[in-house]
C-alpha atoms as a PDB file:
ATOM      1  CA  MET A   1    -169.203  45.850 -48.554  1.00  0.00           C
ATOM      2  CA  GLU A   2    -169.319  45.643 -45.606  1.00  0.00           C
ATOM      3  CA  GLY A   3    -165.469  46.052 -43.961  1.00  0.00           C
ATOM      4  CA  ASN A   4    -164.340  47.415 -47.560  1.00  0.00           C
ATOM      5  CA  ARG A   5    -166.245  51.367 -47.365  1.00  0.00           C
ATOM      6  CA  ALA A   6    -162.904  52.326 -45.828  1.00  0.00           C
ATOM      7  CA  ARG A   7    -161.093  51.025 -48.926  1.00  0.00           C
ATOM      8  CA  LEU A   8    -163.057  52.445 -51.376  1.00  0.00           C
ATOM      9  CA  GLY A   9    -163.255  55.697 -49.757  1.00  0.00           C
ATOM     10  CA  GLY A  10    -159.165  55.800 -49.389  1.00  0.00           C
ATOM     11  CA  VAL A  11    -159.214  54.609 -53.353  1.00  0.00           C
ATOM     12  CA  LEU A  12    -161.839  57.979 -54.191  1.00  0.00           C
ATOM     13  CA  THR A  13    -159.513  59.683 -52.124  1.00  0.00           C
ATOM     14  CA  LEU A  14    -156.439  58.597 -53.976  1.00  0.00           C
ATOM     15  CA  VAL A  15    -157.847  59.645 -57.583  1.00  0.00           C
ATOM     16  CA  ALA A  16    -158.576  62.884 -56.849  1.00  0.00           C
ATOM     17  CA  GLY A  17    -155.093  63.168 -55.100  1.00  0.00           C
ATOM     18  CA  ILE A  18    -153.511  62.149 -58.135  1.00  0.00           C
ATOM     19  CA  ILE A  19    -155.810  63.992 -60.291  1.00  0.00           C
ATOM     20  CA  GLY A  20    -154.844  67.088 -57.897  1.00  0.00           C
ATOM     21  CA  LEU A  21    -151.103  66.429 -58.466  1.00  0.00           C
ATOM     22  CA  VAL A  22    -151.254  66.463 -61.411  1.00  0.00           C
ATOM     23  CA  SER A  23    -152.958  69.272 -62.589  1.00  0.00           C
ATOM     24  CA  GLY A  24    -150.652  70.840 -59.775  1.00  0.00           C
ATOM     25  CA  LEU A  25    -147.267  70.235 -62.192  1.00  0.00           C
ATOM     26  CA  MET A  26    -149.326  70.827 -65.162  1.00  0.00           C
ATOM     27  CA  PHE A  27    -149.963  74.759 -63.326  1.00  0.00           C
ATOM     28  CA  ILE A  28    -145.998  74.888 -62.471  1.00  0.00           C
ATOM     29  CA  LEU A  29    -145.461  73.715 -65.851  1.00  0.00           C
ATOM     30  CA  THR A  30    -147.229  75.533 -67.816  1.00  0.00           C
ATOM     31  CA  GLY A  31    -149.034  78.165 -66.316  1.00  0.00           C
ATOM     32  CA  GLU A  32    -152.149  77.527 -67.017  1.00  0.00           C
ATOM     33  CA  PRO A  33    -155.064  75.140 -65.013  1.00  0.00           C
ATOM     34  CA  LEU A  34    -155.065  71.548 -65.973  1.00  0.00           C
ATOM     35  CA  GLU A  35    -158.379  72.152 -68.222  1.00  0.00           C
ATOM     36  CA  ILE A  36    -156.811  74.413 -70.782  1.00  0.00           C
ATOM     37  CA  ALA A  37    -153.090  73.541 -70.916  1.00  0.00           C
ATOM     38  CA  LEU A  38    -151.602  73.722 -74.168  1.00  0.00           C
ATOM     39  CA  THR A  39    -148.127  76.226 -74.239  1.00  0.00           C
ATOM     40  CA  PHE A  40    -145.483  75.436 -72.186  1.00  0.00           C
ATOM     41  CA  PRO A  41    -144.009  78.615 -70.854  1.00  0.00           C
ATOM     42  CA  VAL A  42    -142.590  79.158 -67.570  1.00  0.00           C
ATOM     43  CA  THR A  43    -144.718  81.972 -66.065  1.00  0.00           C
ATOM     44  CA  PHE A  44    -144.916  83.748 -62.586  1.00  0.00           C
ATOM     45  CA  GLU A  45    -148.465  82.202 -62.500  1.00  0.00           C
ATOM     46  CA  ALA A  46    -147.171  78.925 -62.578  1.00  0.00           C
ATOM     47  CA  LEU A  47    -145.878  79.537 -58.555  1.00  0.00           C
ATOM     48  CA  ASN A  48    -150.748  79.069 -58.593  1.00  0.00           C
ATOM     49  CA  GLY A  49    -150.199  75.802 -59.174  1.00  0.00           C
ATOM     50  CA  ILE A  50    -147.782  74.774 -55.770  1.00  0.00           C
ATOM     51  CA  PRO A  51    -150.532  75.231 -52.981  1.00  0.00           C
ATOM     52  CA  THR A  52    -153.103  72.768 -55.718  1.00  0.00           C
ATOM     53  CA  LEU A  53    -149.770  70.146 -55.493  1.00  0.00           C
ATOM     54  CA  ILE A  54    -149.640  70.170 -52.288  1.00  0.00           C
ATOM     55  CA  LEU A  55    -153.249  70.238 -51.790  1.00  0.00           C
ATOM     56  CA  GLY A  56    -152.957  66.795 -53.391  1.00  0.00           C
ATOM     57  CA  ILE A  57    -149.816  65.098 -51.410  1.00  0.00           C
ATOM     58  CA  ILE A  58    -152.045  65.835 -48.909  1.00  0.00           C
ATOM     59  CA  ALA A  59    -155.024  64.223 -50.376  1.00  0.00           C
ATOM     60  CA  LEU A  60    -152.874  61.230 -51.763  1.00  0.00           C
ATOM     61  CA  ALA A  61    -152.001  60.807 -47.826  1.00  0.00           C
ATOM     62  CA  GLY A  62    -155.131  60.610 -46.564  1.00  0.00           C
ATOM     63  CA  GLY A  63    -155.919  58.029 -49.366  1.00  0.00           C
ATOM     64  CA  SER A  64    -153.412  56.118 -48.169  1.00  0.00           C
ATOM     65  CA  PHE A  65    -154.192  56.067 -44.633  1.00  0.00           C
ATOM     66  CA  ALA A  66    -158.167  55.423 -45.127  1.00  0.00           C
ATOM     67  CA  MET A  67    -157.120  52.111 -47.263  1.00  0.00           C
ATOM     68  CA  LYS A  68    -154.501  51.344 -44.237  1.00  0.00           C
ATOM     69  CA  HIS A  69    -157.910  51.549 -42.043  1.00  0.00           C
ATOM     70  CA  LYS A  70    -155.316  54.183 -39.587  1.00  0.00           C
ATOM     71  CA  ALA A  71    -156.063  58.065 -38.461  1.00  0.00           C
ATOM     72  CA  PHE A  72    -159.464  57.843 -39.253  1.00  0.00           C
ATOM     73  CA  GLY A  73    -159.355  62.421 -38.268  1.00  0.00           C
ATOM     74  CA  PHE A  74    -156.468  61.924 -41.389  1.00  0.00           C
ATOM     75  CA  ALA A  75    -157.940  59.976 -43.632  1.00  0.00           C
ATOM     76  CA  VAL A  76    -161.106  62.221 -43.663  1.00  0.00           C
ATOM     77  CA  ALA A  77    -159.121  65.519 -43.567  1.00  0.00           C
ATOM     78  CA  GLY A  78    -157.617  64.481 -46.432  1.00  0.00           C
ATOM     79  CA  ALA A  79    -161.120  63.193 -48.682  1.00  0.00           C
ATOM     80  CA  ALA A  80    -162.601  66.665 -48.304  1.00  0.00           C
ATOM     81  CA  ILE A  81    -159.180  68.417 -49.081  1.00  0.00           C
ATOM     82  CA  SER A  82    -158.776  66.063 -51.729  1.00  0.00           C
ATOM     83  CA  ILE A  83    -162.429  68.008 -53.184  1.00  0.00           C
ATOM     84  CA  ILE A  84    -160.278  71.826 -53.186  1.00  0.00           C
ATOM     85  CA  ALA A  85    -157.417  70.025 -54.267  1.00  0.00           C
ATOM     86  CA  ASP A  86    -158.535  71.481 -58.040  1.00  0.00           C
ATOM     87  CA  PHE A  87    -162.011  72.589 -57.886  1.00  0.00           C
ATOM     88  CA  ASN A  88    -162.426  73.632 -61.740  1.00  0.00           C
ATOM     89  CA  LEU A  89    -162.668  70.114 -61.916  1.00  0.00           C
ATOM     90  CA  GLY A  90    -166.323  68.886 -61.117  1.00  0.00           C
ATOM     91  CA  ILE A  91    -164.856  64.998 -61.121  1.00  0.00           C
ATOM     92  CA  VAL A  92    -162.398  66.060 -58.333  1.00  0.00           C
ATOM     93  CA  ILE A  93    -165.097  66.893 -56.941  1.00  0.00           C
ATOM     94  CA  ILE A  94    -167.937  63.979 -56.830  1.00  0.00           C
ATOM     95  CA  LEU A  95    -164.600  61.852 -55.793  1.00  0.00           C
ATOM     96  CA  GLY A  96    -164.015  63.657 -52.648  1.00  0.00           C
ATOM     97  CA  ILE A  97    -167.472  63.515 -51.909  1.00  0.00           C
ATOM     98  CA  LEU A  98    -168.018  60.284 -52.496  1.00  0.00           C
ATOM     99  CA  GLY A  99    -164.725  59.637 -50.493  1.00  0.00           C
ATOM    100  CA  ILE A 100    -166.003  61.465 -47.590  1.00  0.00           C
ATOM    101  CA  VAL A 101    -169.409  59.308 -47.304  1.00  0.00           C
ATOM    102  CA  PHE A 102    -167.030  56.133 -47.858  1.00  0.00           C
ATOM    103  CA  ILE A 103    -164.919  56.503 -44.756  1.00  0.00           C
ATOM    104  CA  VAL A 104    -167.495  57.306 -42.038  1.00  0.00           C
ATOM    105  CA  MET A 105    -169.414  55.139 -43.295  1.00  0.00           C
ATOM    106  CA  GLY A 106    -166.889  52.617 -42.504  1.00  0.00           C
ATOM    107  CA  LYS A 107    -165.408  54.982 -39.107  1.00  0.00           C
ATOM    108  CA  SER A 108    -165.583  51.611 -37.276  1.00  0.00           C
ATOM    109  CA  GLU A 109    -163.108  49.781 -39.865  1.00  0.00           C
ATOM    110  CA  PHE A 110    -160.164  52.146 -37.785  1.00  0.00           C
ATOM    111  CA  ASP A 111    -158.081  50.938 -35.094  1.00  0.00           C
END
């Protein structure tokens, strides 16, 4: 496990970011959060998915930096943002928190 903490944190952050990205896309396409998207009418509320999409992209970038052991601050920021990428899904919150924990525990692994 030694030497892989940052990588594990990066993977968790990437998964949370992907969920946020998918949720944002579903919100844009349907106008409903991922949890209740059953139809595909495009409405003005669909624009609410854009912030979720952007947060998901930032979380993905942070997870990528954590996997490469570069830019510790951005990796932690990406993990923190992954928590709020899709705040309605509890699994995203758990993955984001675990991502932060493992990235911070692996701080010595960063360049």
